Amino acid sequence: MNAVVRIESAPAIAPLYRLQYEAVQENWVLLYPEGMVKLNGPAGEILRRCDGQLTVQQLVSDLERSFGESDLGGDVCDFLSDAYGRGWII
């Protein structure tokens, strides 16, 4: 079961993981001791904003501004809940 992400929380990449852009693959990846998770475009954009400083609300606002979209909150929270359940973020 995925955790509910609070809009006022400030997610950060979990210590076991390192977010890195791989130019050869032209996308973001999460590196961890046993391997690597290749992220799709939206996942990379969300996770690279998970710095422990931005709240979920600020993160959503930044994504909406950056990509000229609106109503991204539900999708972002769904992804963050899944990422939290996978241990990618704290």
N, C-alpha and C. Protein backbone atom coordinates (compact mmCIF):
# COMPACT_ATOMS: atom_id res chain seq x y z
N MET A 1 0.83 -1.18 0.00
CA MET A 1 0.00 0.00 0.00
C MET A 1 0.88 1.25 0.00
N ASN A 2 0.55 2.20 -0.84
CA ASN A 2 1.31 3.44 -0.94
C ASN A 2 0.93 4.41 0.17
N ALA A 3 1.89 5.17 0.61
CA ALA A 3 1.66 6.18 1.63
C ALA A 3 0.93 7.37 1.03
N VAL A 4 0.21 8.07 1.86
CA VAL A 4 -0.42 9.32 1.44
C VAL A 4 0.61 10.43 1.61
N VAL A 5 0.83 11.18 0.56
CA VAL A 5 1.80 12.27 0.59
C VAL A 5 1.09 13.54 1.00
N ARG A 6 1.60 14.19 2.04
CA ARG A 6 1.03 15.46 2.49
C ARG A 6 1.57 16.60 1.64
N ILE A 7 0.71 17.50 1.26
CA ILE A 7 1.06 18.62 0.39
C ILE A 7 2.11 19.54 1.03
N GLU A 8 2.15 19.55 2.37
CA GLU A 8 3.12 20.42 3.07
C GLU A 8 4.44 19.70 3.37
N SER A 9 4.54 18.41 3.04
CA SER A 9 5.80 17.70 3.27
C SER A 9 6.85 18.14 2.25
N ALA A 10 8.11 17.93 2.59
CA ALA A 10 9.22 18.30 1.71
C ALA A 10 10.05 17.04 1.45
N PRO A 11 9.68 16.27 0.43
CA PRO A 11 10.38 15.00 0.18
C PRO A 11 11.82 15.20 -0.27
N ALA A 12 12.63 14.20 0.05
CA ALA A 12 14.04 14.20 -0.35
C ALA A 12 14.40 12.79 -0.82
N ILE A 13 15.40 12.70 -1.67
CA ILE A 13 15.88 11.40 -2.13
C ILE A 13 16.44 10.66 -0.91
N ALA A 14 16.06 9.40 -0.77
CA ALA A 14 16.52 8.58 0.36
C ALA A 14 18.05 8.41 0.30
N PRO A 15 18.69 8.32 1.46
CA PRO A 15 20.16 8.24 1.51
C PRO A 15 20.77 7.09 0.70
N LEU A 16 20.06 6.01 0.53
CA LEU A 16 20.58 4.86 -0.20
C LEU A 16 20.69 5.13 -1.70
N TYR A 17 19.98 6.15 -2.18
CA TYR A 17 19.90 6.44 -3.61
C TYR A 17 20.64 7.72 -3.98
N ARG A 18 21.02 7.77 -5.24
CA ARG A 18 21.61 9.00 -5.79
C ARG A 18 20.96 9.26 -7.14
N LEU A 19 20.40 10.42 -7.30
CA LEU A 19 19.78 10.82 -8.55
C LEU A 19 20.85 11.42 -9.44
N GLN A 20 20.90 10.96 -10.68
CA GLN A 20 21.95 11.42 -11.59
C GLN A 20 21.42 11.44 -13.01
N TYR A 21 21.84 12.45 -13.77
CA TYR A 21 21.47 12.51 -15.19
C TYR A 21 22.51 11.73 -15.98
N GLU A 22 22.04 10.80 -16.80
CA GLU A 22 22.91 10.00 -17.65
C GLU A 22 22.81 10.51 -19.07
N ALA A 23 23.81 11.24 -19.51
CA ALA A 23 23.79 11.84 -20.85
C ALA A 23 23.70 10.78 -21.94
N VAL A 24 24.38 9.66 -21.76
CA VAL A 24 24.36 8.60 -22.78
C VAL A 24 22.94 8.07 -22.97
N GLN A 25 22.20 7.92 -21.87
CA GLN A 25 20.83 7.42 -21.94
C GLN A 25 19.82 8.56 -22.12
N GLU A 26 20.28 9.79 -21.98
CA GLU A 26 19.45 10.98 -22.10
C GLU A 26 18.25 10.97 -21.15
N ASN A 27 18.50 10.55 -19.92
CA ASN A 27 17.45 10.62 -18.90
C ASN A 27 18.06 10.51 -17.51
N TRP A 28 17.20 10.74 -16.53
CA TRP A 28 17.59 10.65 -15.12
C TRP A 28 17.51 9.20 -14.67
N VAL A 29 18.42 8.84 -13.77
CA VAL A 29 18.43 7.50 -13.17
C VAL A 29 18.61 7.64 -11.67
N LEU A 30 18.15 6.64 -10.96
CA LEU A 30 18.41 6.52 -9.52
C LEU A 30 19.43 5.41 -9.36
N LEU A 31 20.57 5.75 -8.82
CA LEU A 31 21.60 4.75 -8.58
C LEU A 31 21.51 4.28 -7.14
N TYR A 32 21.74 3.00 -6.92
CA TYR A 32 21.78 2.44 -5.58
C TYR A 32 22.77 1.28 -5.60
N PRO A 33 23.20 0.78 -4.44
CA PRO A 33 24.28 -0.21 -4.41
C PRO A 33 24.05 -1.44 -5.31
N GLU A 34 22.83 -1.89 -5.45
CA GLU A 34 22.57 -3.10 -6.22
C GLU A 34 22.27 -2.83 -7.69
N GLY A 35 22.17 -1.58 -8.09
CA GLY A 35 21.84 -1.32 -9.48
C GLY A 35 21.39 0.09 -9.77
N MET A 36 20.43 0.18 -10.71
CA MET A 36 20.00 1.47 -11.22
C MET A 36 18.54 1.37 -11.63
N VAL A 37 17.80 2.46 -11.41
CA VAL A 37 16.43 2.58 -11.88
C VAL A 37 16.43 3.65 -12.96
N LYS A 38 16.06 3.27 -14.17
CA LYS A 38 15.95 4.24 -15.26
C LYS A 38 14.58 4.90 -15.15
N LEU A 39 14.57 6.22 -15.06
CA LEU A 39 13.33 6.97 -14.85
C LEU A 39 12.80 7.53 -16.17
N ASN A 40 11.48 7.57 -16.29
CA ASN A 40 10.92 8.25 -17.46
C ASN A 40 11.02 9.76 -17.23
N GLY A 41 10.69 10.55 -18.23
CA GLY A 41 10.83 12.00 -18.14
C GLY A 41 10.12 12.64 -16.97
N PRO A 42 8.81 12.37 -16.80
CA PRO A 42 8.10 12.98 -15.67
C PRO A 42 8.67 12.57 -14.31
N ALA A 43 9.04 11.30 -14.16
CA ALA A 43 9.60 10.84 -12.88
C ALA A 43 10.90 11.56 -12.57
N GLY A 44 11.74 11.73 -13.57
CA GLY A 44 12.99 12.45 -13.36
C GLY A 44 12.77 13.90 -12.98
N GLU A 45 11.81 14.55 -13.64
CA GLU A 45 11.52 15.95 -13.33
C GLU A 45 10.99 16.11 -11.91
N ILE A 46 10.17 15.17 -11.48
CA ILE A 46 9.64 15.24 -10.11
C ILE A 46 10.76 14.98 -9.10
N LEU A 47 11.49 13.89 -9.29
CA LEU A 47 12.50 13.52 -8.30
C LEU A 47 13.64 14.52 -8.21
N ARG A 48 13.99 15.17 -9.31
CA ARG A 48 15.09 16.13 -9.22
C ARG A 48 14.71 17.37 -8.41
N ARG A 49 13.43 17.54 -8.16
CA ARG A 49 12.96 18.64 -7.32
C ARG A 49 12.80 18.21 -5.85
N CYS A 50 12.99 16.94 -5.57
CA CYS A 50 12.86 16.42 -4.20
C CYS A 50 14.17 16.65 -3.46
N ASP A 51 14.33 17.86 -2.96
CA ASP A 51 15.59 18.26 -2.32
C ASP A 51 15.46 18.41 -0.81
N GLY A 52 14.29 18.08 -0.27
CA GLY A 52 14.08 18.24 1.17
C GLY A 52 13.76 19.66 1.57
N GLN A 53 13.78 20.59 0.62
CA GLN A 53 13.47 22.00 0.88
C GLN A 53 12.11 22.39 0.31
N LEU A 54 11.85 21.98 -0.93
CA LEU A 54 10.56 22.30 -1.57
C LEU A 54 9.46 21.42 -1.00
N THR A 55 8.35 22.05 -0.66
CA THR A 55 7.19 21.26 -0.26
C THR A 55 6.57 20.65 -1.51
N VAL A 56 5.70 19.68 -1.33
CA VAL A 56 5.01 19.08 -2.46
C VAL A 56 4.25 20.16 -3.22
N GLN A 57 3.60 21.07 -2.50
CA GLN A 57 2.86 22.15 -3.15
C GLN A 57 3.79 23.02 -4.00
N GLN A 58 4.95 23.36 -3.48
CA GLN A 58 5.91 24.16 -4.24
C GLN A 58 6.44 23.39 -5.45
N LEU A 59 6.68 22.11 -5.25
CA LEU A 59 7.16 21.25 -6.33
C LEU A 59 6.14 21.21 -7.47
N VAL A 60 4.86 21.01 -7.12
CA VAL A 60 3.79 20.98 -8.12
C VAL A 60 3.71 22.32 -8.84
N SER A 61 3.75 23.41 -8.09
CA SER A 61 3.69 24.74 -8.70
C SER A 61 4.85 24.96 -9.67
N ASP A 62 6.05 24.53 -9.27
CA ASP A 62 7.22 24.66 -10.13
C ASP A 62 7.05 23.85 -11.41
N LEU A 63 6.56 22.62 -11.31
CA LEU A 63 6.33 21.79 -12.49
C LEU A 63 5.29 22.42 -13.41
N GLU A 64 4.20 22.91 -12.83
CA GLU A 64 3.14 23.53 -13.64
C GLU A 64 3.67 24.76 -14.37
N ARG A 65 4.47 25.55 -13.68
CA ARG A 65 5.07 26.75 -14.28
C ARG A 65 6.07 26.36 -15.38
N SER A 66 6.93 25.39 -15.09
CA SER A 66 7.98 24.99 -16.02
C SER A 66 7.44 24.39 -17.31
N PHE A 67 6.33 23.67 -17.19
CA PHE A 67 5.82 22.94 -18.36
C PHE A 67 4.51 23.50 -18.90
N GLY A 68 4.06 24.64 -18.34
CA GLY A 68 2.84 25.27 -18.83
C GLY A 68 1.62 24.39 -18.70
N GLU A 69 1.57 23.61 -17.64
CA GLU A 69 0.46 22.69 -17.39
C GLU A 69 -0.28 23.14 -16.13
N SER A 70 -1.45 22.57 -15.92
CA SER A 70 -2.18 22.83 -14.68
C SER A 70 -2.76 21.52 -14.17
N ASP A 71 -3.18 21.54 -12.93
CA ASP A 71 -3.79 20.36 -12.30
C ASP A 71 -2.87 19.14 -12.28
N LEU A 72 -1.59 19.35 -12.01
CA LEU A 72 -0.65 18.23 -11.92
C LEU A 72 -0.58 17.63 -10.52
N GLY A 73 -1.22 18.26 -9.55
CA GLY A 73 -1.10 17.83 -8.16
C GLY A 73 -1.43 16.38 -7.92
N GLY A 74 -2.52 15.89 -8.48
CA GLY A 74 -2.93 14.51 -8.26
C GLY A 74 -1.92 13.52 -8.81
N ASP A 75 -1.44 13.76 -10.03
CA ASP A 75 -0.46 12.87 -10.64
C ASP A 75 0.86 12.90 -9.89
N VAL A 76 1.29 14.08 -9.48
CA VAL A 76 2.55 14.21 -8.74
C VAL A 76 2.44 13.49 -7.40
N CYS A 77 1.34 13.69 -6.69
CA CYS A 77 1.16 13.02 -5.40
C CYS A 77 1.09 11.50 -5.56
N ASP A 78 0.44 11.03 -6.62
CA ASP A 78 0.39 9.59 -6.87
C ASP A 78 1.80 9.04 -7.08
N PHE A 79 2.59 9.75 -7.90
CA PHE A 79 3.96 9.29 -8.14
C PHE A 79 4.78 9.32 -6.85
N LEU A 80 4.68 10.41 -6.10
CA LEU A 80 5.45 10.52 -4.86
C LEU A 80 5.05 9.43 -3.86
N SER A 81 3.78 9.09 -3.80
CA SER A 81 3.33 8.01 -2.92
C SER A 81 3.98 6.69 -3.33
N ASP A 82 4.03 6.45 -4.64
CA ASP A 82 4.66 5.23 -5.14
C ASP A 82 6.16 5.25 -4.85
N ALA A 83 6.81 6.39 -5.08
CA ALA A 83 8.25 6.52 -4.82
C ALA A 83 8.55 6.31 -3.34
N TYR A 84 7.70 6.84 -2.48
CA TYR A 84 7.87 6.64 -1.05
C TYR A 84 7.74 5.15 -0.70
N GLY A 85 6.74 4.50 -1.28
CA GLY A 85 6.53 3.07 -1.04
C GLY A 85 7.72 2.22 -1.51
N ARG A 86 8.41 2.68 -2.54
CA ARG A 86 9.57 1.97 -3.06
C ARG A 86 10.85 2.32 -2.30
N GLY A 87 10.76 3.29 -1.39
CA GLY A 87 11.93 3.69 -0.60
C GLY A 87 12.83 4.68 -1.30
N TRP A 88 12.38 5.25 -2.42
CA TRP A 88 13.21 6.20 -3.16
C TRP A 88 13.30 7.55 -2.48
N ILE A 89 12.25 7.93 -1.75
CA ILE A 89 12.23 9.23 -1.08
C ILE A 89 11.88 9.06 0.39
N ILE A 90 12.25 10.07 1.14
CA ILE A 90 11.92 10.10 2.58
C ILE A 90 11.19 11.40 2.86
